[in-house]
PDB file of all heavy atoms in Angstrom:
ATOM      1  N   ILE A   1       0.783  -1.264  -0.006  1.00  0.00           N
ATOM      2  CA  ILE A   1      -0.020   0.009  -0.047  1.00  0.00           C
ATOM      3  C   ILE A   1       0.814   1.288  -0.095  1.00  0.00           C
ATOM      4  O   ILE A   1       0.702   2.276  -0.720  1.00  0.00           O
ATOM      5  CB  ILE A   1      -0.985  -0.017   1.269  1.00  0.00           C
ATOM      6  CG1 ILE A   1      -1.979  -1.038   1.100  1.00  0.00           C
ATOM      7  CG2 ILE A   1      -1.653   1.350   1.464  1.00  0.00           C
ATOM      8  CD1 ILE A   1      -2.811  -1.255   2.299  1.00  0.00           C
ATOM      9  N   THR A   2       1.957   1.279   0.828  1.00  0.00           N
ATOM     10  CA  THR A   2       2.766   2.369   0.905  1.00  0.00           C
ATOM     11  C   THR A   2       3.492   2.531  -0.429  1.00  0.00           C
ATOM     12  O   THR A   2       3.750   3.680  -0.951  1.00  0.00           O
ATOM     13  CB  THR A   2       3.945   2.230   1.878  1.00  0.00           C
ATOM     14  OG1 THR A   2       3.216   1.898   3.226  1.00  0.00           O
ATOM     15  CG2 THR A   2       4.871   3.278   2.124  1.00  0.00           C
ATOM     16  N   GLY A   3       3.930   1.435  -1.148  1.00  0.00           N
ATOM     17  CA  GLY A   3       4.587   1.499  -2.430  1.00  0.00           C
ATOM     18  C   GLY A   3       3.621   2.058  -3.459  1.00  0.00           C
ATOM     19  O   GLY A   3       4.082   2.970  -4.312  1.00  0.00           O
ATOM     20  N   VAL A   4       2.435   1.658  -3.473  1.00  0.00           N
ATOM     21  CA  VAL A   4       1.450   2.296  -4.374  1.00  0.00           C
ATOM     22  C   VAL A   4       1.273   3.702  -4.227  1.00  0.00           C
ATOM     23  O   VAL A   4       1.358   4.457  -5.209  1.00  0.00           O
ATOM     24  CB  VAL A   4       0.097   1.513  -4.367  1.00  0.00           C
ATOM     25  CG1 VAL A   4      -1.030   2.191  -5.067  1.00  0.00           C
ATOM     26  CG2 VAL A   4       0.053   0.077  -4.802  1.00  0.00           C
ATOM     27  N   LEU A   5       1.153   4.160  -3.002  1.00  0.00           N
ATOM     28  CA  LEU A   5       0.887   5.603  -2.731  1.00  0.00           C
ATOM     29  C   LEU A   5       2.206   6.358  -3.150  1.00  0.00           C
ATOM     30  O   LEU A   5       2.033   7.482  -3.591  1.00  0.00           O
ATOM     31  CB  LEU A   5       0.559   5.855  -1.197  1.00  0.00           C
ATOM     32  CG  LEU A   5      -0.724   5.208  -0.814  1.00  0.00           C
ATOM     33  CD1 LEU A   5      -0.970   5.341   0.714  1.00  0.00           C
ATOM     34  CD2 LEU A   5      -1.987   5.949  -1.571  1.00  0.00           C
ATOM     35  N   LEU A   6       3.295   5.888  -2.847  1.00  0.00           N
ATOM     36  CA  LEU A   6       4.467   6.405  -3.207  1.00  0.00           C
ATOM     37  C   LEU A   6       4.588   6.630  -4.707  1.00  0.00           C
ATOM     38  O   LEU A   6       5.120   7.672  -5.210  1.00  0.00           O
ATOM     39  CB  LEU A   6       5.822   5.831  -2.607  1.00  0.00           C
ATOM     40  CG  LEU A   6       6.127   6.039  -1.220  1.00  0.00           C
ATOM     41  CD1 LEU A   6       7.239   5.219  -0.647  1.00  0.00           C
ATOM     42  CD2 LEU A   6       6.317   7.602  -0.978  1.00  0.00           C
ATOM     43  N   GLN A   7       4.260   5.635  -5.424  1.00  0.00           N
ATOM     44  CA  GLN A   7       4.384   5.556  -6.840  1.00  0.00           C
ATOM     45  C   GLN A   7       3.471   6.721  -7.468  1.00  0.00           C
ATOM     46  O   GLN A   7       3.677   7.421  -8.385  1.00  0.00           O
ATOM     47  CB  GLN A   7       4.131   4.299  -7.567  1.00  0.00           C
ATOM     48  CG  GLN A   7       5.053   3.249  -7.071  1.00  0.00           C
ATOM     49  CD  GLN A   7       6.528   3.665  -7.253  1.00  0.00           C
ATOM     50  OE1 GLN A   7       6.943   4.238  -8.198  1.00  0.00           O
ATOM     51  NE2 GLN A   7       7.354   3.329  -6.232  1.00  0.00           N
ATOM     52  N   ILE A   8       2.316   6.825  -6.883  1.00  0.00           N
ATOM     53  CA  ILE A   8       1.302   7.883  -7.242  1.00  0.00           C
ATOM     54  C   ILE A   8       1.928   9.259  -7.009  1.00  0.00           C
ATOM     55  O   ILE A   8       1.843  10.075  -7.904  1.00  0.00           O
ATOM     56  CB  ILE A   8      -0.129   7.578  -6.561  1.00  0.00           C
ATOM     57  CG1 ILE A   8      -0.761   6.432  -7.090  1.00  0.00           C
ATOM     58  CG2 ILE A   8      -1.032   8.905  -6.830  1.00  0.00           C
ATOM     59  CD1 ILE A   8      -2.104   6.040  -6.303  1.00  0.00           C
ATOM     60  N   TYR A   9       2.393   9.394  -5.935  1.00  0.00           N
ATOM     61  CA  TYR A   9       3.085  10.617  -5.536  1.00  0.00           C
ATOM     62  C   TYR A   9       4.150  11.059  -6.477  1.00  0.00           C
ATOM     63  O   TYR A   9       4.294  12.172  -7.017  1.00  0.00           O
ATOM     64  CB  TYR A   9       3.525  10.677  -4.089  1.00  0.00           C
ATOM     65  CG  TYR A   9       4.431  11.860  -3.691  1.00  0.00           C
ATOM     66  CD1 TYR A   9       3.765  13.218  -3.528  1.00  0.00           C
ATOM     67  CD2 TYR A   9       5.764  11.717  -3.670  1.00  0.00           C
ATOM     68  CE1 TYR A   9       4.724  14.271  -3.358  1.00  0.00           C
ATOM     69  CE2 TYR A   9       6.574  12.886  -3.425  1.00  0.00           C
ATOM     70  CZ  TYR A   9       5.971  14.023  -3.216  1.00  0.00           C
ATOM     71  OH  TYR A   9       6.802  15.055  -2.901  1.00  0.00           O
ATOM     72  N   LEU A  10       5.029  10.066  -6.632  1.00  0.00           N
ATOM     73  CA  LEU A  10       6.211  10.291  -7.649  1.00  0.00           C
ATOM     74  C   LEU A  10       5.694  10.542  -9.055  1.00  0.00           C
ATOM     75  O   LEU A  10       6.368  11.416  -9.755  1.00  0.00           O
ATOM     76  CB  LEU A  10       7.081   8.982  -7.650  1.00  0.00           C
ATOM     77  CG  LEU A  10       7.928   8.830  -6.448  1.00  0.00           C
ATOM     78  CD1 LEU A  10       8.595   7.507  -6.540  1.00  0.00           C
ATOM     79  CD2 LEU A  10       8.916  10.031  -6.281  1.00  0.00           C
ATOM     80  N   TYR A  11       4.670   9.974  -9.488  1.00  0.00           N
ATOM     81  CA  TYR A  11       4.165  10.218 -10.816  1.00  0.00           C
ATOM     82  C   TYR A  11       3.605  11.701 -10.966  1.00  0.00           C
ATOM     83  O   TYR A  11       3.998  12.380 -11.990  1.00  0.00           O
ATOM     84  CB  TYR A  11       3.005   9.146 -11.250  1.00  0.00           C
ATOM     85  CG  TYR A  11       2.690   9.218 -12.721  1.00  0.00           C
ATOM     86  CD1 TYR A  11       3.487   8.806 -13.726  1.00  0.00           C
ATOM     87  CD2 TYR A  11       1.470   9.984 -13.067  1.00  0.00           C
ATOM     88  CE1 TYR A  11       3.021   8.899 -15.079  1.00  0.00           C
ATOM     89  CE2 TYR A  11       1.050  10.004 -14.466  1.00  0.00           C
ATOM     90  CZ  TYR A  11       1.911   9.482 -15.350  1.00  0.00           C
ATOM     91  OH  TYR A  11       1.579   9.703 -16.696  1.00  0.00           O
ATOM     92  N   ILE A  12       2.827  11.995  -9.906  1.00  0.00           N
ATOM     93  CA  ILE A  12       2.363  13.420  -9.967  1.00  0.00           C
ATOM     94  C   ILE A  12       3.483  14.443  -9.849  1.00  0.00           C
ATOM     95  O   ILE A  12       3.527  15.464 -10.672  1.00  0.00           O
ATOM     96  CB  ILE A  12       1.330  13.636  -8.735  1.00  0.00           C
ATOM     97  CG1 ILE A  12      -0.014  12.834  -9.108  1.00  0.00           C
ATOM     98  CG2 ILE A  12       0.895  15.213  -8.642  1.00  0.00           C
ATOM     99  CD1 ILE A  12      -0.803  12.772  -7.868  1.00  0.00           C
ATOM    100  N   ASN A  13       4.457  14.191  -9.092  1.00  0.00           N
ATOM    101  CA  ASN A  13       5.574  14.962  -8.893  1.00  0.00           C
ATOM    102  C   ASN A  13       6.360  15.114 -10.294  1.00  0.00           C
ATOM    103  O   ASN A  13       6.876  16.272 -10.623  1.00  0.00           O
ATOM    104  CB  ASN A  13       6.648  14.412  -7.871  1.00  0.00           C
ATOM    105  CG  ASN A  13       7.647  15.442  -7.435  1.00  0.00           C
ATOM    106  OD1 ASN A  13       7.625  16.657  -7.788  1.00  0.00           O
ATOM    107  ND2 ASN A  13       8.654  14.890  -6.744  1.00  0.00           N
ATOM    108  N   LEU A  14       6.478  14.111 -11.027  1.00  0.00           N
ATOM    109  CA  LEU A  14       7.242  14.192 -12.280  1.00  0.00           C
ATOM    110  C   LEU A  14       6.321  14.970 -13.361  1.00  0.00           C
ATOM    111  O   LEU A  14       6.971  15.573 -14.132  1.00  0.00           O
ATOM    112  CB  LEU A  14       7.561  12.756 -12.846  1.00  0.00           C
ATOM    113  CG  LEU A  14       8.673  11.934 -12.215  1.00  0.00           C
ATOM    114  CD1 LEU A  14       8.827  10.563 -12.753  1.00  0.00           C
ATOM    115  CD2 LEU A  14       9.920  12.831 -12.558  1.00  0.00           C
ATOM    116  N   LYS A  15       5.046  14.880 -13.224  1.00  0.00           N
ATOM    117  CA  LYS A  15       4.118  15.696 -14.099  1.00  0.00           C
ATOM    118  C   LYS A  15       4.442  17.072 -13.785  1.00  0.00           C
ATOM    119  O   LYS A  15       4.636  17.955 -14.829  1.00  0.00           O
ATOM    120  CB  LYS A  15       2.820  15.231 -13.905  1.00  0.00           C
ATOM    121  CG  LYS A  15       2.239  14.112 -14.572  1.00  0.00           C
ATOM    122  CD  LYS A  15       2.298  14.172 -16.075  1.00  0.00           C
ATOM    123  CE  LYS A  15       1.696  13.002 -16.672  1.00  0.00           C
ATOM    124  NZ  LYS A  15       1.627  13.010 -18.117  1.00  0.00           N
ATOM    125  N   VAL A  16       4.474  17.524 -12.597  1.00  0.00           N
ATOM    126  CA  VAL A  16       4.735  18.986 -12.202  1.00  0.00           C
ATOM    127  C   VAL A  16       6.096  19.293 -12.605  1.00  0.00           C
ATOM    128  O   VAL A  16       6.357  20.346 -13.077  1.00  0.00           O
ATOM    129  CB  VAL A  16       4.523  19.043 -10.649  1.00  0.00           C
ATOM    130  CG1 VAL A  16       4.941  20.452 -10.280  1.00  0.00           C
ATOM    131  CG2 VAL A  16       3.093  18.940 -10.312  1.00  0.00           C
ATOM    132  N   SER A  17       7.072  18.404 -12.341  1.00  0.00           N
ATOM    133  CA  SER A  17       8.437  18.611 -12.818  1.00  0.00           C
ATOM    134  C   SER A  17       8.537  18.944 -14.307  1.00  0.00           C
ATOM    135  O   SER A  17       9.317  19.737 -14.779  1.00  0.00           O
ATOM    136  CB  SER A  17       9.392  17.506 -12.269  1.00  0.00           C
ATOM    137  OG  SER A  17      10.662  17.729 -12.566  1.00  0.00           O
ATOM    138  N   ASN A  18       7.817  18.050 -15.002  1.00  0.00           N
ATOM    139  CA  ASN A  18       7.810  18.191 -16.378  1.00  0.00           C
ATOM    140  C   ASN A  18       7.275  19.564 -16.809  1.00  0.00           C
ATOM    141  O   ASN A  18       7.798  20.284 -17.729  1.00  0.00           O
ATOM    142  CB  ASN A  18       7.012  17.133 -17.144  1.00  0.00           C
ATOM    143  CG  ASN A  18       7.163  17.078 -18.615  1.00  0.00           C
ATOM    144  OD1 ASN A  18       8.206  17.417 -19.234  1.00  0.00           O
ATOM    145  ND2 ASN A  18       6.092  16.703 -19.383  1.00  0.00           N
ATOM    146  N   LYS A  19       6.222  20.007 -16.195  1.00  0.00           N
ATOM    147  CA  LYS A  19       5.682  21.268 -16.521  1.00  0.00           C
ATOM    148  C   LYS A  19       6.702  22.391 -16.255  1.00  0.00           C
ATOM    149  O   LYS A  19       6.862  23.279 -17.012  1.00  0.00           O
ATOM    150  CB  LYS A  19       4.343  21.564 -15.725  1.00  0.00           C
ATOM    151  CG  LYS A  19       3.690  22.800 -15.977  1.00  0.00           C
ATOM    152  CD  LYS A  19       3.181  22.789 -17.333  1.00  0.00           C
ATOM    153  CE  LYS A  19       2.332  24.176 -17.527  1.00  0.00           C
ATOM    154  NZ  LYS A  19       1.974  24.371 -18.941  1.00  0.00           N
ATOM    155  N   TYR A  20       7.204  22.380 -15.046  1.00  0.00           N
ATOM    156  CA  TYR A  20       8.116  23.551 -14.643  1.00  0.00           C
ATOM    157  C   TYR A  20       9.419  23.495 -15.237  1.00  0.00           C
ATOM    158  O   TYR A  20      10.048  24.539 -15.624  1.00  0.00           O
ATOM    159  CB  TYR A  20       8.114  23.751 -13.220  1.00  0.00           C
ATOM    160  CG  TYR A  20       6.903  24.356 -12.614  1.00  0.00           C
ATOM    161  CD1 TYR A  20       5.887  23.403 -12.056  1.00  0.00           C
ATOM    162  CD2 TYR A  20       6.419  25.555 -12.833  1.00  0.00           C
ATOM    163  CE1 TYR A  20       4.749  23.980 -11.615  1.00  0.00           C
ATOM    164  CE2 TYR A  20       5.311  26.100 -12.417  1.00  0.00           C
ATOM    165  CZ  TYR A  20       4.336  25.120 -11.797  1.00  0.00           C
ATOM    166  OH  TYR A  20       3.219  25.739 -11.308  1.00  0.00           O
ATOM    167  N   GLU A  21      10.067  22.398 -15.413  1.00  0.00           N
ATOM    168  CA  GLU A  21      11.614  22.173 -15.710  1.00  0.00           C
ATOM    169  C   GLU A  21      11.684  22.074 -17.183  1.00  0.00           C
ATOM    170  O   GLU A  21      12.706  22.463 -17.722  1.00  0.00           O
ATOM    171  CB  GLU A  21      12.183  20.973 -15.188  1.00  0.00           C
ATOM    172  CG  GLU A  21      12.390  21.063 -13.595  1.00  0.00           C
ATOM    173  CD  GLU A  21      13.062  19.825 -13.145  1.00  0.00           C
ATOM    174  OE1 GLU A  21      13.880  19.190 -13.863  1.00  0.00           O
ATOM    175  OE2 GLU A  21      13.008  19.626 -11.882  1.00  0.00           O
ATOM    176  N   VAL A  22      10.659  21.698 -17.835  1.00  0.00           N
ATOM    177  CA  VAL A  22      10.776  21.525 -19.392  1.00  0.00           C
ATOM    178  C   VAL A  22       9.936  22.533 -20.141  1.00  0.00           C
ATOM    179  O   VAL A  22      10.516  23.429 -20.847  1.00  0.00           O
ATOM    180  CB  VAL A  22      10.237  20.113 -19.833  1.00  0.00           C
ATOM    181  CG1 VAL A  22      10.310  20.018 -21.320  1.00  0.00           C
ATOM    182  CG2 VAL A  22      11.239  19.063 -19.184  1.00  0.00           C
ATOM    183  N   ASP A  23       8.628  22.658 -19.850  1.00  0.00           N
ATOM    184  CA  ASP A  23       7.827  23.436 -20.567  1.00  0.00           C
ATOM    185  C   ASP A  23       8.146  25.074 -20.321  1.00  0.00           C
ATOM    186  O   ASP A  23       8.280  25.665 -21.439  1.00  0.00           O
ATOM    187  CB  ASP A  23       6.351  23.282 -20.335  1.00  0.00           C
ATOM    188  CG  ASP A  23       5.739  21.821 -20.806  1.00  0.00           C
ATOM    189  OD1 ASP A  23       6.437  21.319 -21.608  1.00  0.00           O
ATOM    190  OD2 ASP A  23       4.835  21.582 -20.280  1.00  0.00           O
ATOM    191  N   LEU A  24       8.259  25.378 -19.081  1.00  0.00           N
ATOM    192  CA  LEU A  24       8.462  26.763 -18.922  1.00  0.00           C
ATOM    193  C   LEU A  24       9.940  27.107 -19.297  1.00  0.00           C
ATOM    194  O   LEU A  24      10.131  28.208 -19.730  1.00  0.00           O
ATOM    195  CB  LEU A  24       8.164  27.083 -17.373  1.00  0.00           C
ATOM    196  CG  LEU A  24       6.781  26.990 -17.025  1.00  0.00           C
ATOM    197  CD1 LEU A  24       6.685  27.299 -15.518  1.00  0.00           C
ATOM    198  CD2 LEU A  24       5.873  27.822 -17.700  1.00  0.00           C
ATOM    199  N   MET A  25      10.846  26.221 -18.972  1.00  0.00           N
ATOM    200  CA  MET A  25      12.220  26.481 -19.473  1.00  0.00           C
ATOM    201  C   MET A  25      12.441  26.665 -20.921  1.00  0.00           C
ATOM    202  O   MET A  25      13.042  27.545 -21.447  1.00  0.00           O
ATOM    203  CB  MET A  25      13.237  25.541 -18.918  1.00  0.00           C
ATOM    204  CG  MET A  25      13.552  25.695 -17.389  1.00  0.00           C
ATOM    205  SD  MET A  25      14.291  27.309 -16.974  1.00  0.00           S
ATOM    206  CE  MET A  25      15.808  27.091 -17.738  1.00  0.00           C
ATOM    207  N   GLU A  26      11.685  25.924 -21.656  1.00  0.00           N
ATOM    208  CA  GLU A  26      11.702  25.859 -23.068  1.00  0.00           C
ATOM    209  C   GLU A  26      11.137  27.209 -23.600  1.00  0.00           C
ATOM    210  O   GLU A  26      11.769  27.898 -24.396  1.00  0.00           O
ATOM    211  CB  GLU A  26      10.856  24.739 -23.658  1.00  0.00           C
ATOM    212  CG  GLU A  26      11.115  24.553 -25.113  1.00  0.00           C
ATOM    213  CD  GLU A  26      10.367  23.132 -25.512  1.00  0.00           C
ATOM    214  OE1 GLU A  26       9.282  22.824 -24.920  1.00  0.00           O
ATOM    215  OE2 GLU A  26      10.816  22.458 -26.232  1.00  0.00           O
ATOM    216  N   THR A  27      10.005  27.651 -23.064  1.00  0.00           N
ATOM    217  CA  THR A  27       9.467  29.049 -23.302  1.00  0.00           C
ATOM    218  C   THR A  27      10.543  30.185 -23.035  1.00  0.00           C
ATOM    219  O   THR A  27      10.660  31.017 -23.876  1.00  0.00           O
ATOM    220  CB  THR A  27       8.102  29.229 -22.640  1.00  0.00           C
ATOM    221  OG1 THR A  27       7.266  28.077 -22.961  1.00  0.00           O
ATOM    222  CG2 THR A  27       7.480  30.458 -23.013  1.00  0.00           C
ATOM    223  N   HIS A  28      11.050  30.021 -21.887  1.00  0.00           N
ATOM    224  CA  HIS A  28      12.002  31.086 -21.508  1.00  0.00           C
ATOM    225  C   HIS A  28      13.342  31.150 -22.473  1.00  0.00           C
ATOM    226  O   HIS A  28      13.581  32.134 -22.805  1.00  0.00           O
ATOM    227  CB  HIS A  28      12.563  30.760 -20.067  1.00  0.00           C
ATOM    228  CG  HIS A  28      13.648  31.721 -19.636  1.00  0.00           C
ATOM    229  ND1 HIS A  28      13.341  33.065 -19.353  1.00  0.00           N
ATOM    230  CD2 HIS A  28      14.869  31.381 -19.375  1.00  0.00           C
ATOM    231  CE1 HIS A  28      14.498  33.572 -18.996  1.00  0.00           C
ATOM    232  NE2 HIS A  28      15.475  32.610 -18.982  1.00  0.00           N
ATOM    233  N   VAL A  29      13.778  29.919 -22.814  1.00  0.00           N
ATOM    234  CA  VAL A  29      14.874  29.958 -23.795  1.00  0.00           C
ATOM    235  C   VAL A  29      14.426  30.583 -25.074  1.00  0.00           C
ATOM    236  O   VAL A  29      15.256  31.206 -25.731  1.00  0.00           O
ATOM    237  CB  VAL A  29      15.361  28.561 -23.922  1.00  0.00           C
ATOM    238  CG1 VAL A  29      16.295  28.388 -25.111  1.00  0.00           C
ATOM    239  CG2 VAL A  29      16.088  28.116 -22.598  1.00  0.00           C
ATOM    240  N   ILE A  30      13.255  30.165 -25.606  1.00  0.00           N
ATOM    241  CA  ILE A  30      12.816  30.719 -26.925  1.00  0.00           C
ATOM    242  C   ILE A  30      12.615  32.191 -26.866  1.00  0.00           C
ATOM    243  O   ILE A  30      12.979  33.001 -27.844  1.00  0.00           O
ATOM    244  CB  ILE A  30      11.566  30.001 -27.375  1.00  0.00           C
ATOM    245  CG1 ILE A  30      11.852  28.496 -27.620  1.00  0.00           C
ATOM    246  CG2 ILE A  30      10.780  30.582 -28.534  1.00  0.00           C
ATOM    247  CD1 ILE A  30      10.548  27.570 -27.837  1.00  0.00           C
ATOM    248  N   VAL A  31      12.115  32.694 -25.754  1.00  0.00           N
ATOM    249  CA  VAL A  31      11.764  34.092 -25.787  1.00  0.00           C
ATOM    250  C   VAL A  31      12.932  35.038 -25.377  1.00  0.00           C
ATOM    251  O   VAL A  31      13.172  36.156 -25.735  1.00  0.00           O
ATOM    252  CB  VAL A  31      10.719  34.274 -24.622  1.00  0.00           C
ATOM    253  CG1 VAL A  31      10.419  35.831 -24.218  1.00  0.00           C
ATOM    254  CG2 VAL A  31       9.371  33.595 -25.042  1.00  0.00           C
ATOM    255  N   SER A  32      13.999  34.451 -24.639  1.00  0.00           N
ATOM    256  CA  SER A  32      15.157  35.061 -24.095  1.00  0.00           C
ATOM    257  C   SER A  32      16.022  35.623 -25.385  1.00  0.00           C
ATOM    258  O   SER A  32      15.941  35.111 -26.384  1.00  0.00           O
ATOM    259  CB  SER A  32      16.100  34.275 -23.299  1.00  0.00           C
ATOM    260  OG  SER A  32      16.581  33.171 -24.061  1.00  0.00           O
ATOM    261  N   LYS A  33      16.776  36.629 -25.113  1.00  0.00           N
ATOM    262  CA  LYS A  33      17.629  37.270 -26.200  1.00  0.00           C
ATOM    263  C   LYS A  33      19.050  36.830 -26.013  1.00  0.00           C
ATOM    264  O   LYS A  33      19.854  37.598 -25.725  1.00  0.00           O
ATOM    265  CB  LYS A  33      17.420  38.752 -26.041  1.00  0.00           C
ATOM    266  CG  LYS A  33      16.065  39.384 -26.306  1.00  0.00           C
ATOM    267  CD  LYS A  33      16.008  40.743 -26.169  1.00  0.00           C
ATOM    268  CE  LYS A  33      14.591  41.309 -26.505  1.00  0.00           C
ATOM    269  NZ  LYS A  33      14.466  42.771 -26.393  1.00  0.00           N
ATOM    270  N   THR A  34      19.310  35.659 -26.234  1.00  0.00           N
ATOM    271  CA  THR A  34      20.647  35.009 -26.207  1.00  0.00           C
ATOM    272  C   THR A  34      21.063  34.669 -27.663  1.00  0.00           C
ATOM    273  O   THR A  34      20.109  34.574 -28.527  1.00  0.00           O
ATOM    274  CB  THR A  34      20.755  33.751 -25.348  1.00  0.00           C
ATOM    275  OG1 THR A  34      19.817  32.833 -25.750  1.00  0.00           O
ATOM    276  CG2 THR A  34      20.466  34.225 -23.861  1.00  0.00           C
ATOM    277  N   SER A  35      22.257  34.238 -27.832  1.00  0.00           N
ATOM    278  CA  SER A  35      22.702  33.903 -29.113  1.00  0.00           C
ATOM    279  C   SER A  35      22.183  32.511 -29.573  1.00  0.00           C
ATOM    280  O   SER A  35      21.665  31.698 -28.571  1.00  0.00           O
ATOM    281  CB  SER A  35      24.208  33.766 -29.164  1.00  0.00           C
ATOM    282  OG  SER A  35      24.652  32.739 -28.297  1.00  0.00           O
ATOM    283  N   ALA A  36      22.103  32.291 -30.809  1.00  0.00           N
ATOM    284  CA  ALA A  36      21.510  31.074 -31.410  1.00  0.00           C
ATOM    285  C   ALA A  36      22.174  29.818 -30.817  1.00  0.00           C
ATOM    286  O   ALA A  36      21.576  28.684 -30.546  1.00  0.00           O
ATOM    287  CB  ALA A  36      21.554  31.058 -32.835  1.00  0.00           C
TER     288      ALA A  36
END
């Protein structure tokens, strides 16, 4: 039961991590004024 609950927590944590670490950083890099 503990394992199941931890896996659910980890999956949700990775979804949030994907949103903030990938999607927002990708947008920031595209919008930023740095070299190609």
